[in-house]
Amino acid sequence: MSKVLCLGDSCADIVIPYGDHLKNDHSFSCGGSNANSAAALGKLGVSVAFAGKAGNDIYGRTMKQELQDNSVDVSSFILDDELVSTQVVVTLDENNDRHPSLLPQERQAYLEIYPQDLSLIDLSDTEYILTNGMMLFEEPAAKSISDFLVSAHERGIRILLDINYRPETIHRDKYYLDTAIAAADYLLGSIEDDFLPLTGTKTLQNAVKTLLTENNAIIAHDKKGASAFTLNHCYSADSYPVEVSDTLGAGDAFNAGFIYGLIHNKDLQNCLAYGNAVASLCISHPGARNTPDENALRSFLESHRSGCSCE
């Protein structure tokens, strides 16, 4: 099996643009936060697999093929004849920020993950598992993935949990999310969208105090850059100056860059810089999957050497 397993959502993004973007030809593109990260890691040359579920329709088949084209192992990406692939209608506003909504309204394909689906995954070579909080509120995925993460953690596999908090989940039972947080080695997310609403605090410092333990690291990012917190250290890295095309997939790209650093045995300072670089290259082009290959990433970092500690 691959060194990194991205477990979670894959969907079709249907983008409704604003202003100058209306001049472009927009059709559906492949999306989903964990699938985006998997595609980005594949482009970077990382041994990566994606596990998830979609319908056996034009969207699902296209999503699976695109991941495979990006060197992602899709043997655990299930296309189900009884399901319809999830579609995300994304409206871009005048600031190029995104406003998503889901179709169909019920029985989202990416959440139809059962224990038997996960029991077939070979974890013999897996070092890291990336998943996200949006998978941990709806059955059957919530319990299936939570149990899977706990079991993998007990085997010594390092867990990365992208909080990916949603406004509609703020007042819902967080049992499975809390279970996954307890098993996670790295908690990742946006400061404003994830860590503050999750903890009910007003500052990142208070959010960190709430979530940080001796067993995890907090990785928080926003438009200005990213920070990493452990019990003994704090690291920070500024974002890179690029012209923003749109922000689709920025957090997913950051996660991929951060994991790229982990796979290459870099310290947290360098992992942050890799995450910022992949995210910056992503948002400088339209769409969630315009991420760099390894040569483009290293070239970008070399051109910004004065502001980067990457080795």
Foldseek 3Di string as FASTA:
>chain_A
DFQEEQEFDKAKEFEDEDDPCVVDDTDIDIDDLSLLLLLQLLLQVGRYEYAFEAAPDPTLVVSLVSSVVSVYHDPRYYHHPVHHAKYWYWYQDPVQATDIDIPPPPDHGRLADALVSVVPDDCPNYQEYEYEQVSQQDPPRNVNVLVVLQVVLVVVRAYEYEHPDDPVCLPPDCVSVVSNLVSHQEYEYEPVRGQCSNVVDDDPVVSCVVRADQRHKYWYADQQFIWIDHPVDIETAGADDADFPHQAQLRSQLVSQLVVCVVVVHDNNQSRVRSRQQSRQQRNDPDNNSGHYNVVSVVSCVVVVVRGPHD
